[in-house]
Amino acid sequence: MPVVSITLLPGYASETQHRMVNRVAQAVRSVIDTPEAGTTVFVNEVSTYRRDGKVFSGGRAAHPVASEVVQSFLHAMQERDMDLAQSFLHPDFAMCFPGGAHMHTLPELISWAQQRYSTIRKDYAKFEESWQGDATVVFCHGTLQGTWLNGKTFEDIRFIDRIEVRGRLIARQDVWNDLAEHRQA
């Protein structure tokens, strides 16, 4: 039965501490074959500590919830609020869409999409996060609905997005979907 203790300086919101103990418990269970009920993670707060000859009494800012950043970005895209959508993107943002279409700007994406369909909407089934170094990777999947260039509608087409969030900004988006298979049909 693993027992993990986290020591923090004061000032972290209870929501941040909650996220931290849940993620640490998930990390422990990904390495040790232990049931949920057998994993304990708790937080201790200390008022101050010393490191490298300096005394510290406050913690650093918490990262935002990456899946919420992604949901806000995708919502702005769906509403065609390009200024708001752009505000979520890292200066070195890169994206790759089906067929290996690599782009770096939202105007490039819009121009590319206009050659494929006239409208599109995503219905999300689930958002999942994984953590890789300084990035949080958000996976979302669900179905696409919209209208082809010829005016016919489509629906229930599978998609999955993989989106890297660094700090508070989206650095990369990779998109896979079955639009091409349905367009050919």
Protein backbone atom coordinates (compact mmCIF):
# COMPACT_ATOMS: atom_id res chain seq x y z
CA MET A 1 0.00 0.00 0.00
CA PRO A 2 1.81 3.17 -1.18
CA VAL A 3 1.57 6.26 1.01
CA VAL A 4 2.83 9.48 -0.60
CA SER A 5 3.41 12.74 1.24
CA ILE A 6 3.58 16.06 -0.60
CA THR A 7 5.02 19.09 1.18
CA LEU A 8 3.92 22.52 -0.05
CA LEU A 9 4.43 26.10 0.96
CA PRO A 10 1.22 27.90 1.90
CA GLY A 11 -0.96 29.65 -0.64
CA TYR A 12 -2.02 26.87 -2.97
CA ALA A 13 -5.76 26.79 -3.51
CA SER A 14 -7.61 23.70 -2.35
CA GLU A 15 -8.54 22.95 -5.99
CA THR A 16 -4.83 22.93 -6.90
CA GLN A 17 -4.03 20.59 -4.02
CA HIS A 18 -6.92 18.34 -5.03
CA ARG A 19 -5.62 18.13 -8.62
CA MET A 20 -2.13 17.39 -7.33
CA VAL A 21 -3.07 14.52 -5.01
CA ASN A 22 -5.27 12.95 -7.70
CA ARG A 23 -2.54 13.13 -10.33
CA VAL A 24 0.12 11.79 -7.97
CA ALA A 25 -2.18 8.90 -7.03
CA GLN A 26 -2.72 8.16 -10.73
CA ALA A 27 1.03 8.25 -11.37
CA VAL A 28 1.68 5.87 -8.47
CA ARG A 29 -0.99 3.45 -9.70
CA SER A 30 0.48 3.54 -13.23
CA VAL A 31 3.75 2.15 -11.79
CA ILE A 32 2.62 0.02 -8.83
CA ASP A 33 -0.12 -2.59 -9.14
CA THR A 34 -2.25 -1.32 -6.28
CA PRO A 35 -5.99 -0.72 -6.00
CA GLU A 36 -7.47 2.75 -5.68
CA ALA A 37 -8.37 2.00 -2.05
CA GLY A 38 -4.76 1.05 -1.35
CA THR A 39 -3.24 4.34 -2.49
CA THR A 40 -2.91 7.24 -0.06
CA VAL A 41 -1.63 10.69 -0.97
CA PHE A 42 -1.72 13.63 1.40
CA VAL A 43 -0.45 17.22 1.56
CA ASN A 44 1.51 18.85 4.36
CA GLU A 45 1.94 22.61 4.44
CA VAL A 46 5.06 24.24 5.82
CA SER A 47 5.37 27.95 6.52
CA THR A 48 8.87 28.35 5.11
CA TYR A 49 11.92 26.49 3.84
CA ARG A 50 15.54 27.18 2.88
CA ARG A 51 17.30 26.11 -0.31
CA ASP A 52 20.54 27.32 -1.91
CA GLY A 53 21.04 29.83 0.90
CA LYS A 54 17.67 31.49 0.29
CA VAL A 55 14.53 31.37 2.41
CA PHE A 56 11.18 30.82 0.70
CA SER A 57 7.73 31.25 2.18
CA GLY A 58 5.37 31.07 -0.80
CA GLY A 59 4.79 28.62 -3.61
CA ARG A 60 4.63 29.16 -7.36
CA ALA A 61 1.53 29.70 -9.44
CA ALA A 62 -0.46 26.64 -10.43
CA HIS A 63 -0.90 25.74 -14.09
CA PRO A 64 -4.43 26.08 -15.41
CA VAL A 65 -6.36 22.89 -16.06
CA ALA A 66 -5.13 22.05 -19.56
CA SER A 67 -8.36 20.41 -20.70
CA GLU A 68 -10.22 23.62 -19.78
CA VAL A 69 -7.75 25.66 -21.87
CA VAL A 70 -8.36 23.29 -24.79
CA GLN A 71 -12.15 23.39 -24.36
CA SER A 72 -12.08 27.21 -24.36
CA PHE A 73 -9.94 27.25 -27.51
CA LEU A 74 -12.14 24.74 -29.32
CA HIS A 75 -15.27 26.62 -28.28
CA ALA A 76 -13.81 29.87 -29.65
CA MET A 77 -12.98 28.07 -32.91
CA GLN A 78 -16.50 26.65 -33.18
CA GLU A 79 -17.98 30.11 -32.57
CA ARG A 80 -15.55 31.52 -35.16
CA ASP A 81 -14.10 33.98 -32.61
CA MET A 82 -10.66 33.89 -34.18
CA ASP A 83 -9.21 36.66 -31.99
CA LEU A 84 -10.12 34.75 -28.84
CA ALA A 85 -8.93 31.45 -30.35
CA GLN A 86 -5.60 33.06 -31.29
CA SER A 87 -5.11 34.20 -27.67
CA PHE A 88 -4.79 30.53 -26.63
CA LEU A 89 -1.95 29.77 -29.07
CA HIS A 90 1.78 29.66 -28.35
CA PRO A 91 3.91 31.83 -30.69
CA ASP A 92 5.45 28.64 -32.13
CA PHE A 93 2.07 26.91 -32.56
CA ALA A 94 1.98 24.07 -35.08
CA MET A 95 -0.86 21.86 -36.22
CA CYS A 96 -1.26 18.81 -38.41
CA PHE A 97 -4.59 17.82 -39.92
CA PRO A 98 -5.65 14.76 -41.95
CA GLY A 99 -3.62 14.08 -45.04
CA GLY A 100 -0.51 15.47 -43.37
CA ALA A 101 -1.59 19.10 -43.76
CA HIS A 102 0.87 21.09 -41.63
CA MET A 103 -0.05 24.64 -40.66
CA HIS A 104 1.00 27.31 -38.18
CA THR A 105 -1.80 29.89 -38.28
CA LEU A 106 -5.57 29.91 -37.99
CA PRO A 107 -5.99 31.66 -41.38
CA GLU A 108 -4.08 28.75 -42.97
CA LEU A 109 -6.45 26.31 -41.27
CA ILE A 110 -9.55 28.20 -42.43
CA SER A 111 -8.28 28.34 -46.01
CA TRP A 112 -7.50 24.60 -45.96
CA ALA A 113 -10.89 23.70 -44.44
CA GLN A 114 -12.84 25.78 -46.99
CA GLN A 115 -11.68 23.33 -49.66
CA ARG A 116 -13.19 20.37 -47.73
CA TYR A 117 -16.54 21.43 -46.20
CA SER A 118 -18.72 24.50 -45.71
CA THR A 119 -19.60 23.95 -42.02
CA ILE A 120 -18.39 21.66 -39.28
CA ARG A 121 -19.12 21.09 -35.59
CA LYS A 122 -17.58 18.76 -33.04
CA ASP A 123 -19.56 16.91 -30.40
CA TYR A 124 -17.17 15.85 -27.65
CA ALA A 125 -17.44 12.49 -25.91
CA LYS A 126 -14.45 12.84 -23.61
CA PHE A 127 -11.37 14.88 -22.68
CA GLU A 128 -8.35 13.10 -21.18
CA GLU A 129 -5.01 14.45 -19.95
CA SER A 130 -1.52 12.99 -19.77
CA TRP A 131 1.62 14.69 -18.58
CA GLN A 132 4.90 14.70 -20.45
CA GLY A 133 7.64 16.88 -18.99
CA ASP A 134 6.63 20.52 -19.28
CA ALA A 135 3.60 19.79 -21.43
CA THR A 136 0.15 18.51 -20.65
CA VAL A 137 -1.26 16.49 -23.54
CA VAL A 138 -5.02 16.67 -23.91
CA PHE A 139 -6.82 14.09 -25.99
CA CYS A 140 -10.41 14.71 -26.97
CA HIS A 141 -12.62 12.58 -29.14
CA GLY A 142 -16.16 12.49 -30.38
CA THR A 143 -18.03 12.98 -33.63
CA LEU A 144 -18.19 15.58 -36.40
CA GLN A 145 -21.31 17.02 -37.99
CA GLY A 146 -21.53 19.51 -40.81
CA THR A 147 -22.19 20.28 -44.45
CA TRP A 148 -20.13 19.26 -47.47
CA LEU A 149 -19.33 21.78 -50.20
CA ASN A 150 -22.19 20.35 -52.30
CA GLY A 151 -24.73 21.16 -49.56
CA LYS A 152 -25.23 17.60 -48.30
CA THR A 153 -24.96 17.08 -44.58
CA PHE A 154 -22.82 14.61 -42.67
CA GLU A 155 -22.89 13.43 -39.08
CA ASP A 156 -21.43 10.91 -36.63
CA ILE A 157 -17.94 10.94 -38.16
CA ARG A 158 -15.25 9.96 -35.67
CA PHE A 159 -12.43 12.31 -34.69
CA ILE A 160 -9.63 12.51 -32.16
CA ASP A 161 -7.48 15.52 -31.35
CA ARG A 162 -4.15 15.49 -29.51
CA ILE A 163 -3.30 18.93 -28.16
CA GLU A 164 -0.14 19.94 -26.26
CA VAL A 165 -0.52 22.69 -23.67
CA ARG A 166 2.65 24.36 -22.37
CA GLY A 167 2.03 26.66 -19.45
CA ARG A 168 -1.13 28.46 -20.43
CA LEU A 169 -0.83 28.17 -24.22
CA ILE A 170 -1.48 25.53 -26.88
CA ALA A 171 1.75 24.61 -28.63
CA ARG A 172 0.58 21.83 -30.96
CA GLN A 173 -2.61 20.27 -32.29
CA ASP A 174 -2.81 16.99 -34.20
CA VAL A 175 -6.17 15.96 -35.66
CA TRP A 176 -7.34 12.60 -36.99
CA ASN A 177 -10.80 11.89 -38.40
CA ASP A 178 -12.72 9.77 -40.87
CA LEU A 179 -13.96 12.66 -43.07
CA ALA A 180 -12.10 11.43 -46.16
CA GLU A 181 -13.71 7.99 -45.97
CA HIS A 182 -17.16 9.52 -45.74
CA ARG A 183 -16.54 12.12 -48.43
CA GLN A 184 -15.54 9.37 -50.89
CA ALA A 185 -18.70 7.43 -50.09
